[in-house]
Amino acid sequence: MARDRKRQQDTDLQERVVYIHRVSKTVKGGRRMSLVALVAVGDGKGNVGLGMGKSAEVPLAIQKGIEDAKKNMFHVPVTEHGTIPHTVEGHYGAGRVLIKPAIEGTGVIAGGPVRPLFELAGITNVLSKSLGTSNAMNIIKAAAEGLKELSSPEQAAERRGMTVGEMFVGKEN
């Protein structure tokens, strides 16, 4: 029964290759080429993961990346309007990504490697800006760190020992 549930989860997941990069290692006989594939996996309902795979062939590198992404999945709180609950900035290495909520109808305004991450998480309205590096690996990992820092209003209210209504009523003072 648990195995059937696992298969059902795997079929709901969508995979997107963010980028493929060729790397080489110099050895005694010359250069040894291999490929690095960065893959994002998500179900469109707030669960998303990132993975990296290395191999001499593209399909094998992608497959390894998908397996790694499934192991590293996390949940992102998404509002009923398809955006994030609050502004956040993610950091990873030299990469910084600013992620802001947007009103309905805005769409995903995000550059290169960050866009698939938002789409696979089910975020449909968001603004983001990459600051610092242009390295795709650092940018997408910074965006993932930012998404991990997000908390829903329910989680924030629970942390403060209040209800969601009490949290927003105190703003009138």
N, C-alpha and C. Protein backbone atom coordinates (compact mmCIF):
# COMPACT_ATOMS: atom_id res chain seq x y z
N MET A 1 0.82 -1.19 0.00
CA MET A 1 0.00 0.00 0.00
C MET A 1 0.87 1.26 0.00
N ALA A 2 1.92 1.28 0.83
CA ALA A 2 2.82 2.43 0.89
C ALA A 2 3.54 2.61 -0.44
N ARG A 3 3.86 1.47 -1.09
CA ARG A 3 4.54 1.53 -2.37
C ARG A 3 3.63 2.15 -3.44
N ASP A 4 2.31 1.82 -3.40
CA ASP A 4 1.37 2.39 -4.36
C ASP A 4 1.26 3.90 -4.18
N ARG A 5 1.26 4.36 -2.91
CA ARG A 5 1.20 5.79 -2.64
C ARG A 5 2.45 6.49 -3.17
N LYS A 6 3.60 5.85 -3.03
CA LYS A 6 4.87 6.40 -3.51
C LYS A 6 4.84 6.53 -5.04
N ARG A 7 4.32 5.50 -5.72
CA ARG A 7 4.22 5.56 -7.18
C ARG A 7 3.27 6.67 -7.62
N GLN A 8 2.16 6.84 -6.88
CA GLN A 8 1.19 7.89 -7.20
C GLN A 8 1.85 9.26 -7.07
N GLN A 9 2.65 9.46 -6.02
CA GLN A 9 3.36 10.73 -5.84
C GLN A 9 4.34 10.96 -6.99
N ASP A 10 5.06 9.94 -7.38
CA ASP A 10 6.03 10.08 -8.46
C ASP A 10 5.37 10.44 -9.78
N THR A 11 4.16 9.94 -10.05
CA THR A 11 3.49 10.25 -11.31
C THR A 11 2.98 11.69 -11.32
N ASP A 12 2.69 12.26 -10.15
CA ASP A 12 2.22 13.65 -10.07
C ASP A 12 3.35 14.64 -10.30
N LEU A 13 4.58 14.21 -10.12
CA LEU A 13 5.72 15.12 -10.21
C LEU A 13 6.07 15.45 -11.66
N GLN A 14 6.40 16.73 -11.86
CA GLN A 14 6.88 17.19 -13.17
C GLN A 14 8.36 17.48 -13.02
N GLU A 15 9.11 17.21 -14.09
CA GLU A 15 10.55 17.44 -14.05
C GLU A 15 10.91 18.48 -15.11
N ARG A 16 11.84 19.33 -14.77
CA ARG A 16 12.31 20.33 -15.72
C ARG A 16 13.82 20.45 -15.60
N VAL A 17 14.53 20.31 -16.71
CA VAL A 17 15.98 20.48 -16.72
C VAL A 17 16.27 21.97 -16.76
N VAL A 18 16.94 22.48 -15.74
CA VAL A 18 17.25 23.90 -15.66
C VAL A 18 18.42 24.23 -16.57
N TYR A 19 19.51 23.48 -16.45
CA TYR A 19 20.60 23.65 -17.39
C TYR A 19 21.50 22.43 -17.38
N ILE A 20 22.23 22.28 -18.50
CA ILE A 20 23.22 21.22 -18.64
C ILE A 20 24.55 21.89 -18.96
N HIS A 21 25.58 21.51 -18.24
CA HIS A 21 26.88 22.15 -18.39
C HIS A 21 27.95 21.09 -18.62
N ARG A 22 28.82 21.31 -19.59
CA ARG A 22 29.90 20.37 -19.86
C ARG A 22 31.14 20.79 -19.07
N VAL A 23 31.69 19.85 -18.34
CA VAL A 23 32.90 20.12 -17.56
C VAL A 23 33.99 19.15 -17.99
N SER A 24 35.24 19.52 -17.77
CA SER A 24 36.34 18.62 -18.14
C SER A 24 37.35 18.54 -17.02
N LYS A 25 37.97 17.39 -16.92
CA LYS A 25 39.01 17.15 -15.94
C LYS A 25 40.25 16.75 -16.72
N THR A 26 41.36 17.40 -16.44
CA THR A 26 42.60 17.05 -17.14
C THR A 26 43.28 15.90 -16.41
N VAL A 27 43.49 14.82 -17.14
CA VAL A 27 44.16 13.64 -16.59
C VAL A 27 45.41 13.37 -17.43
N LYS A 28 46.15 12.35 -17.07
CA LYS A 28 47.42 12.03 -17.72
C LYS A 28 47.29 11.91 -19.25
N GLY A 29 46.23 11.28 -19.71
CA GLY A 29 46.07 11.05 -21.15
C GLY A 29 45.41 12.19 -21.90
N GLY A 30 44.98 13.24 -21.23
CA GLY A 30 44.28 14.34 -21.90
C GLY A 30 43.14 14.85 -21.03
N ARG A 31 42.07 15.25 -21.69
CA ARG A 31 40.92 15.77 -20.95
C ARG A 31 39.80 14.74 -20.90
N ARG A 32 39.19 14.60 -19.74
CA ARG A 32 38.04 13.71 -19.58
C ARG A 32 36.79 14.58 -19.44
N MET A 33 35.88 14.48 -20.40
CA MET A 33 34.67 15.30 -20.42
C MET A 33 33.55 14.61 -19.65
N SER A 34 32.77 15.41 -18.92
CA SER A 34 31.55 14.89 -18.30
C SER A 34 30.53 16.01 -18.29
N LEU A 35 29.30 15.69 -17.93
CA LEU A 35 28.19 16.64 -17.97
C LEU A 35 27.57 16.78 -16.59
N VAL A 36 27.13 17.99 -16.29
CA VAL A 36 26.41 18.27 -15.05
C VAL A 36 25.02 18.74 -15.44
N ALA A 37 23.99 18.10 -14.89
CA ALA A 37 22.61 18.49 -15.16
C ALA A 37 21.96 18.97 -13.87
N LEU A 38 21.36 20.16 -13.91
CA LEU A 38 20.62 20.71 -12.78
C LEU A 38 19.14 20.56 -13.11
N VAL A 39 18.40 19.86 -12.23
CA VAL A 39 17.02 19.50 -12.50
C VAL A 39 16.13 19.99 -11.36
N ALA A 40 14.95 20.52 -11.71
CA ALA A 40 13.94 20.90 -10.73
C ALA A 40 12.76 19.95 -10.87
N VAL A 41 12.19 19.52 -9.74
CA VAL A 41 11.06 18.60 -9.73
C VAL A 41 9.99 19.21 -8.82
N GLY A 42 8.72 19.15 -9.24
CA GLY A 42 7.65 19.69 -8.41
C GLY A 42 6.30 19.13 -8.79
N ASP A 43 5.32 19.31 -7.89
CA ASP A 43 3.97 18.81 -8.15
C ASP A 43 2.97 19.92 -8.45
N GLY A 44 3.39 21.18 -8.43
CA GLY A 44 2.49 22.29 -8.70
C GLY A 44 1.57 22.62 -7.54
N LYS A 45 1.76 21.97 -6.39
CA LYS A 45 0.90 22.19 -5.22
C LYS A 45 1.72 22.65 -4.02
N GLY A 46 2.91 23.20 -4.27
CA GLY A 46 3.73 23.70 -3.19
C GLY A 46 4.93 22.84 -2.84
N ASN A 47 5.05 21.66 -3.43
CA ASN A 47 6.21 20.80 -3.17
C ASN A 47 7.17 20.88 -4.34
N VAL A 48 8.43 21.15 -4.04
CA VAL A 48 9.43 21.32 -5.09
C VAL A 48 10.79 20.85 -4.57
N GLY A 49 11.65 20.43 -5.49
CA GLY A 49 12.99 19.99 -5.10
C GLY A 49 13.99 20.27 -6.20
N LEU A 50 15.25 20.39 -5.81
CA LEU A 50 16.34 20.63 -6.74
C LEU A 50 17.34 19.49 -6.66
N GLY A 51 17.90 19.10 -7.79
CA GLY A 51 18.90 18.04 -7.78
C GLY A 51 19.93 18.25 -8.86
N MET A 52 21.10 17.66 -8.63
CA MET A 52 22.19 17.76 -9.59
C MET A 52 22.71 16.36 -9.88
N GLY A 53 22.95 16.08 -11.16
CA GLY A 53 23.49 14.79 -11.55
C GLY A 53 24.69 14.96 -12.46
N LYS A 54 25.69 14.10 -12.30
CA LYS A 54 26.89 14.16 -13.13
C LYS A 54 27.08 12.82 -13.82
N SER A 55 27.42 12.87 -15.10
CA SER A 55 27.67 11.64 -15.85
C SER A 55 28.36 11.99 -17.17
N ALA A 56 28.80 10.94 -17.87
CA ALA A 56 29.42 11.13 -19.18
C ALA A 56 28.36 11.32 -20.27
N GLU A 57 27.13 10.84 -20.03
CA GLU A 57 26.04 10.98 -21.00
C GLU A 57 24.92 11.84 -20.43
N VAL A 58 24.24 12.59 -21.31
CA VAL A 58 23.18 13.50 -20.90
C VAL A 58 22.01 12.79 -20.22
N PRO A 59 21.42 11.73 -20.80
CA PRO A 59 20.25 11.11 -20.16
C PRO A 59 20.56 10.58 -18.75
N LEU A 60 21.74 10.03 -18.57
CA LEU A 60 22.12 9.50 -17.27
C LEU A 60 22.29 10.63 -16.25
N ALA A 61 22.88 11.73 -16.68
CA ALA A 61 23.04 12.89 -15.79
C ALA A 61 21.69 13.45 -15.38
N ILE A 62 20.74 13.52 -16.32
CA ILE A 62 19.40 14.02 -16.02
C ILE A 62 18.69 13.09 -15.05
N GLN A 63 18.79 11.77 -15.28
CA GLN A 63 18.16 10.79 -14.40
C GLN A 63 18.70 10.89 -12.98
N LYS A 64 20.02 11.04 -12.84
CA LYS A 64 20.62 11.20 -11.52
C LYS A 64 20.14 12.50 -10.86
N GLY A 65 20.00 13.55 -11.65
CA GLY A 65 19.52 14.82 -11.13
C GLY A 65 18.09 14.71 -10.63
N ILE A 66 17.24 13.97 -11.35
CA ILE A 66 15.84 13.78 -10.95
C ILE A 66 15.78 13.02 -9.63
N GLU A 67 16.57 11.96 -9.50
CA GLU A 67 16.59 11.18 -8.25
C GLU A 67 17.05 12.05 -7.08
N ASP A 68 18.06 12.90 -7.31
CA ASP A 68 18.56 13.78 -6.26
C ASP A 68 17.50 14.82 -5.88
N ALA A 69 16.78 15.35 -6.88
CA ALA A 69 15.75 16.35 -6.63
C ALA A 69 14.60 15.76 -5.80
N LYS A 70 14.24 14.52 -6.07
CA LYS A 70 13.15 13.87 -5.30
C LYS A 70 13.55 13.68 -3.85
N LYS A 71 14.85 13.47 -3.60
CA LYS A 71 15.32 13.31 -2.23
C LYS A 71 15.34 14.63 -1.48
N ASN A 72 15.52 15.74 -2.22
CA ASN A 72 15.68 17.05 -1.60
C ASN A 72 14.44 17.94 -1.74
N MET A 73 13.26 17.36 -1.69
CA MET A 73 12.03 18.14 -1.84
C MET A 73 11.68 18.86 -0.55
N PHE A 74 11.04 20.03 -0.70
CA PHE A 74 10.56 20.81 0.44
C PHE A 74 9.24 21.46 0.06
N HIS A 75 8.51 21.94 1.08
CA HIS A 75 7.20 22.54 0.86
C HIS A 75 7.29 24.06 0.87
N VAL A 76 6.58 24.70 -0.05
CA VAL A 76 6.52 26.16 -0.15
C VAL A 76 5.08 26.59 0.11
N PRO A 77 4.85 27.49 1.09
CA PRO A 77 3.47 27.96 1.30
C PRO A 77 3.05 28.88 0.15
N VAL A 78 1.95 28.53 -0.51
CA VAL A 78 1.42 29.30 -1.63
C VAL A 78 0.03 29.79 -1.24
N THR A 79 -0.26 31.08 -1.46
CA THR A 79 -1.57 31.63 -1.12
C THR A 79 -2.62 31.19 -2.14
N GLU A 80 -3.89 31.51 -1.85
CA GLU A 80 -4.96 31.12 -2.79
C GLU A 80 -4.87 31.90 -4.10
N HIS A 81 -4.13 33.01 -4.13
CA HIS A 81 -3.94 33.79 -5.37
C HIS A 81 -2.72 33.31 -6.16
N GLY A 82 -2.06 32.27 -5.70
CA GLY A 82 -0.92 31.71 -6.41
C GLY A 82 0.37 32.50 -6.23
N THR A 83 0.50 33.18 -5.10
CA THR A 83 1.72 33.93 -4.83
C THR A 83 2.29 33.50 -3.48
N ILE A 84 3.36 34.14 -3.05
CA ILE A 84 3.98 33.80 -1.78
C ILE A 84 3.43 34.72 -0.69
N PRO A 85 3.49 34.32 0.59
CA PRO A 85 2.88 35.12 1.65
C PRO A 85 3.60 36.44 1.95
N HIS A 86 4.91 36.52 1.76
CA HIS A 86 5.64 37.74 2.08
C HIS A 86 6.94 37.81 1.29
N THR A 87 7.56 38.99 1.31
CA THR A 87 8.83 39.21 0.61
C THR A 87 9.96 38.50 1.34
N VAL A 88 10.88 37.94 0.57
CA VAL A 88 12.01 37.22 1.16
C VAL A 88 13.22 37.36 0.25
N GLU A 89 14.41 37.28 0.85
CA GLU A 89 15.64 37.30 0.06
C GLU A 89 16.43 36.05 0.40
N GLY A 90 16.77 35.27 -0.63
CA GLY A 90 17.53 34.04 -0.43
C GLY A 90 18.99 34.25 -0.76
N HIS A 91 19.87 33.59 0.01
CA HIS A 91 21.31 33.69 -0.19
C HIS A 91 21.91 32.30 -0.37
N TYR A 92 22.80 32.17 -1.31
CA TYR A 92 23.59 30.95 -1.45
C TYR A 92 24.88 31.33 -2.17
N GLY A 93 26.00 31.18 -1.52
CA GLY A 93 27.28 31.57 -2.11
C GLY A 93 27.25 33.06 -2.43
N ALA A 94 27.61 33.42 -3.64
CA ALA A 94 27.58 34.82 -4.06
C ALA A 94 26.22 35.20 -4.63
N GLY A 95 25.30 34.23 -4.72
CA GLY A 95 23.99 34.49 -5.29
C GLY A 95 23.01 35.01 -4.27
N ARG A 96 22.28 36.05 -4.67
CA ARG A 96 21.19 36.59 -3.86
C ARG A 96 20.00 36.74 -4.77
N VAL A 97 18.83 36.32 -4.29
CA VAL A 97 17.62 36.45 -5.08
C VAL A 97 16.54 37.09 -4.22
N LEU A 98 15.97 38.19 -4.70
CA LEU A 98 14.88 38.87 -4.02
C LEU A 98 13.58 38.34 -4.61
N ILE A 99 12.67 37.87 -3.74
CA ILE A 99 11.41 37.29 -4.18
C ILE A 99 10.28 38.07 -3.51
N LYS A 100 9.36 38.63 -4.33
CA LYS A 100 8.26 39.44 -3.80
C LYS A 100 6.92 38.89 -4.26
N PRO A 101 5.90 38.95 -3.41
CA PRO A 101 4.56 38.54 -3.84
C PRO A 101 4.01 39.53 -4.87
N ALA A 102 3.12 39.06 -5.72
CA ALA A 102 2.53 39.91 -6.75
C ALA A 102 1.03 39.69 -6.80
N ILE A 103 0.30 40.70 -7.31
CA ILE A 103 -1.15 40.57 -7.40
C ILE A 103 -1.53 39.60 -8.50
N GLU A 104 -2.77 39.14 -8.46
CA GLU A 104 -3.24 38.16 -9.43
C GLU A 104 -3.20 38.75 -10.84
N GLY A 105 -2.72 37.96 -11.78
CA GLY A 105 -2.61 38.39 -13.16
C GLY A 105 -1.22 38.87 -13.55
N THR A 106 -0.31 38.97 -12.59
CA THR A 106 1.04 39.43 -12.87
C THR A 106 1.84 38.39 -13.64
N GLY A 107 1.72 37.14 -13.23
CA GLY A 107 2.49 36.06 -13.84
C GLY A 107 3.82 35.88 -13.13
N VAL A 108 4.64 34.99 -13.67
CA VAL A 108 5.95 34.72 -13.08
C VAL A 108 6.96 35.63 -13.75
N ILE A 109 7.42 36.64 -13.02
CA ILE A 109 8.44 37.54 -13.54
C ILE A 109 9.74 37.14 -12.86
N ALA A 110 10.48 36.28 -13.53
CA ALA A 110 11.71 35.74 -12.97
C ALA A 110 12.65 35.39 -14.12
N GLY A 111 13.92 35.56 -13.88
CA GLY A 111 14.91 35.28 -14.91
C GLY A 111 15.32 33.83 -14.96
N GLY A 112 15.80 33.43 -16.10
CA GLY A 112 16.40 32.14 -16.41
C GLY A 112 16.15 30.96 -15.50
N PRO A 113 17.11 30.63 -14.65
CA PRO A 113 17.02 29.39 -13.89
C PRO A 113 15.97 29.39 -12.77
N VAL A 114 15.52 30.55 -12.34
CA VAL A 114 14.58 30.62 -11.22
C VAL A 114 13.14 30.32 -11.66
N ARG A 115 12.81 30.64 -12.89
CA ARG A 115 11.44 30.47 -13.40
C ARG A 115 10.90 29.04 -13.26
N PRO A 116 11.64 28.00 -13.67
CA PRO A 116 11.10 26.64 -13.53
C PRO A 116 10.84 26.27 -12.07
N LEU A 117 11.64 26.77 -11.15
CA LEU A 117 11.45 26.48 -9.73
C LEU A 117 10.10 27.00 -9.26
N PHE A 118 9.77 28.25 -9.62
CA PHE A 118 8.50 28.84 -9.22
C PHE A 118 7.32 28.11 -9.88
N GLU A 119 7.45 27.82 -11.17
CA GLU A 119 6.36 27.16 -11.90
C GLU A 119 6.08 25.77 -11.35
N LEU A 120 7.12 25.01 -11.03
CA LEU A 120 6.92 23.66 -10.50
C LEU A 120 6.41 23.67 -9.07
N ALA A 121 6.64 24.77 -8.34
CA ALA A 121 6.12 24.89 -6.97
C ALA A 121 4.65 25.29 -6.98
N GLY A 122 4.13 25.73 -8.12
CA GLY A 122 2.74 26.14 -8.20
C GLY A 122 2.55 27.63 -7.96
N ILE A 123 3.63 28.38 -7.98
CA ILE A 123 3.55 29.83 -7.80
C ILE A 123 3.29 30.45 -9.17
N THR A 124 2.15 31.16 -9.32
CA THR A 124 1.79 31.71 -10.62
C THR A 124 1.96 33.22 -10.71
N ASN A 125 2.02 33.92 -9.56
CA ASN A 125 2.18 35.37 -9.53
C ASN A 125 3.30 35.74 -8.58
N VAL A 126 4.44 36.14 -9.12
CA VAL A 126 5.59 36.46 -8.28
C VAL A 126 6.55 37.36 -9.05
N LEU A 127 7.24 38.22 -8.29
CA LEU A 127 8.29 39.06 -8.86
C LEU A 127 9.61 38.62 -8.25
N SER A 128 10.66 38.51 -9.05
CA SER A 128 11.95 38.15 -8.47
C SER A 128 13.06 38.86 -9.23
N LYS A 129 14.14 39.10 -8.50
CA LYS A 129 15.30 39.75 -9.09
C LYS A 129 16.55 39.06 -8.60
N SER A 130 17.41 38.69 -9.52
CA SER A 130 18.68 38.06 -9.19
C SER A 130 19.70 39.15 -8.92
N LEU A 131 20.35 39.06 -7.76
CA LEU A 131 21.36 40.05 -7.37
C LEU A 131 22.68 39.33 -7.18
N GLY A 132 23.77 39.93 -7.58
CA GLY A 132 25.06 39.30 -7.36
C GLY A 132 25.55 38.54 -8.58
N THR A 133 25.61 37.24 -8.47
CA THR A 133 26.20 36.40 -9.50
C THR A 133 25.24 36.10 -10.66
N SER A 134 25.79 35.62 -11.76
CA SER A 134 24.98 35.15 -12.88
C SER A 134 25.11 33.63 -13.02
N ASN A 135 25.76 32.98 -12.06
CA ASN A 135 25.93 31.53 -12.07
C ASN A 135 24.58 30.87 -11.79
N ALA A 136 24.09 30.07 -12.74
CA ALA A 136 22.76 29.47 -12.63
C ALA A 136 22.61 28.61 -11.38
N MET A 137 23.64 27.88 -11.03
CA MET A 137 23.59 27.00 -9.86
C MET A 137 23.39 27.81 -8.58
N ASN A 138 24.17 28.88 -8.40
CA ASN A 138 24.06 29.70 -7.20
C ASN A 138 22.74 30.46 -7.15
N ILE A 139 22.25 30.92 -8.30
CA ILE A 139 20.99 31.67 -8.35
C ILE A 139 19.83 30.78 -7.94
N ILE A 140 19.72 29.59 -8.52
CA ILE A 140 18.57 28.73 -8.22
C ILE A 140 18.64 28.20 -6.79
N LYS A 141 19.84 27.94 -6.27
CA LYS A 141 19.96 27.50 -4.89
C LYS A 141 19.62 28.64 -3.93
N ALA A 142 19.96 29.88 -4.29
CA ALA A 142 19.59 31.04 -3.47
C ALA A 142 18.07 31.20 -3.45
N ALA A 143 17.42 31.01 -4.60
CA ALA A 143 15.96 31.09 -4.68
C ALA A 143 15.32 29.99 -3.83
N ALA A 144 15.88 28.79 -3.87
CA ALA A 144 15.36 27.69 -3.07
C ALA A 144 15.50 27.99 -1.58
N GLU A 145 16.64 28.56 -1.18
CA GLU A 145 16.84 28.93 0.23
C GLU A 145 15.83 29.99 0.65
N GLY A 146 15.55 30.93 -0.24
CA GLY A 146 14.53 31.95 0.05
C GLY A 146 13.15 31.33 0.22
N LEU A 147 12.80 30.40 -0.65
CA LEU A 147 11.49 29.74 -0.55
C LEU A 147 11.38 28.91 0.72
N LYS A 148 12.50 28.33 1.18
CA LYS A 148 12.49 27.55 2.42
C LYS A 148 12.25 28.44 3.63
N GLU A 149 12.65 29.72 3.55
CA GLU A 149 12.47 30.65 4.66
C GLU A 149 11.03 31.15 4.80
N LEU A 150 10.21 30.96 3.77
CA LEU A 150 8.84 31.44 3.81
C LEU A 150 8.03 30.73 4.89
N SER A 151 7.11 31.47 5.51
CA SER A 151 6.19 30.86 6.46
C SER A 151 4.79 31.39 6.18
N SER A 152 3.79 30.54 6.31
CA SER A 152 2.42 30.94 6.07
C SER A 152 1.92 31.75 7.25
N PRO A 153 0.84 32.53 7.09
CA PRO A 153 0.29 33.29 8.21
C PRO A 153 -0.10 32.39 9.39
N GLU A 154 -0.57 31.17 9.10
CA GLU A 154 -0.95 30.23 10.15
C GLU A 154 0.27 29.84 10.99
N GLN A 155 1.41 29.58 10.31
CA GLN A 155 2.63 29.21 11.03
C GLN A 155 3.14 30.37 11.88
N ALA A 156 3.08 31.60 11.35
CA ALA A 156 3.54 32.78 12.09
C ALA A 156 2.65 33.01 13.32
N ALA A 157 1.34 32.85 13.17
CA ALA A 157 0.42 33.04 14.29
C ALA A 157 0.65 31.98 15.36
N GLU A 158 0.90 30.74 14.96
CA GLU A 158 1.16 29.66 15.91
C GLU A 158 2.45 29.93 16.69
N ARG A 159 3.47 30.44 15.99
CA ARG A 159 4.74 30.76 16.64
C ARG A 159 4.56 31.84 17.71
N ARG A 160 3.67 32.80 17.43
CA ARG A 160 3.44 33.91 18.36
C ARG A 160 2.39 33.59 19.42
N GLY A 161 1.73 32.44 19.30
CA GLY A 161 0.69 32.06 20.26
C GLY A 161 -0.59 32.86 20.07
N MET A 162 -0.92 33.19 18.84
CA MET A 162 -2.12 33.97 18.52
C MET A 162 -2.90 33.26 17.43
N THR A 163 -4.05 33.83 17.10
CA THR A 163 -4.77 33.38 15.91
C THR A 163 -4.40 34.32 14.77
N VAL A 164 -4.72 33.92 13.55
CA VAL A 164 -4.40 34.75 12.39
C VAL A 164 -5.15 36.08 12.48
N GLY A 165 -6.40 36.05 12.94
CA GLY A 165 -7.20 37.27 13.09
C GLY A 165 -6.57 38.22 14.09
N GLU A 166 -6.10 37.71 15.22
CA GLU A 166 -5.48 38.58 16.25
C GLU A 166 -4.21 39.22 15.70
N MET A 167 -3.50 38.50 14.86
CA MET A 167 -2.26 39.03 14.31
C MET A 167 -2.49 40.27 13.46
N PHE A 168 -3.56 40.27 12.66
CA PHE A 168 -3.81 41.37 11.74
C PHE A 168 -4.69 42.46 12.34
N VAL A 169 -5.39 42.21 13.43
CA VAL A 169 -6.25 43.22 14.05
C VAL A 169 -5.40 44.27 14.77
N GLY A 170 -4.27 43.90 15.33
CA GLY A 170 -3.41 44.81 16.09
C GLY A 170 -2.77 45.90 15.24
N LYS A 171 -2.94 45.89 13.92
CA LYS A 171 -2.30 46.87 13.04
C LYS A 171 -2.96 48.23 13.09
N GLU A 172 -4.20 48.34 13.65
CA GLU A 172 -4.94 49.59 13.64
C GLU A 172 -4.34 50.64 14.56
N ASN A 173 -3.57 50.26 15.58
CA ASN A 173 -3.04 51.22 16.56
C ASN A 173 -2.11 52.18 15.94
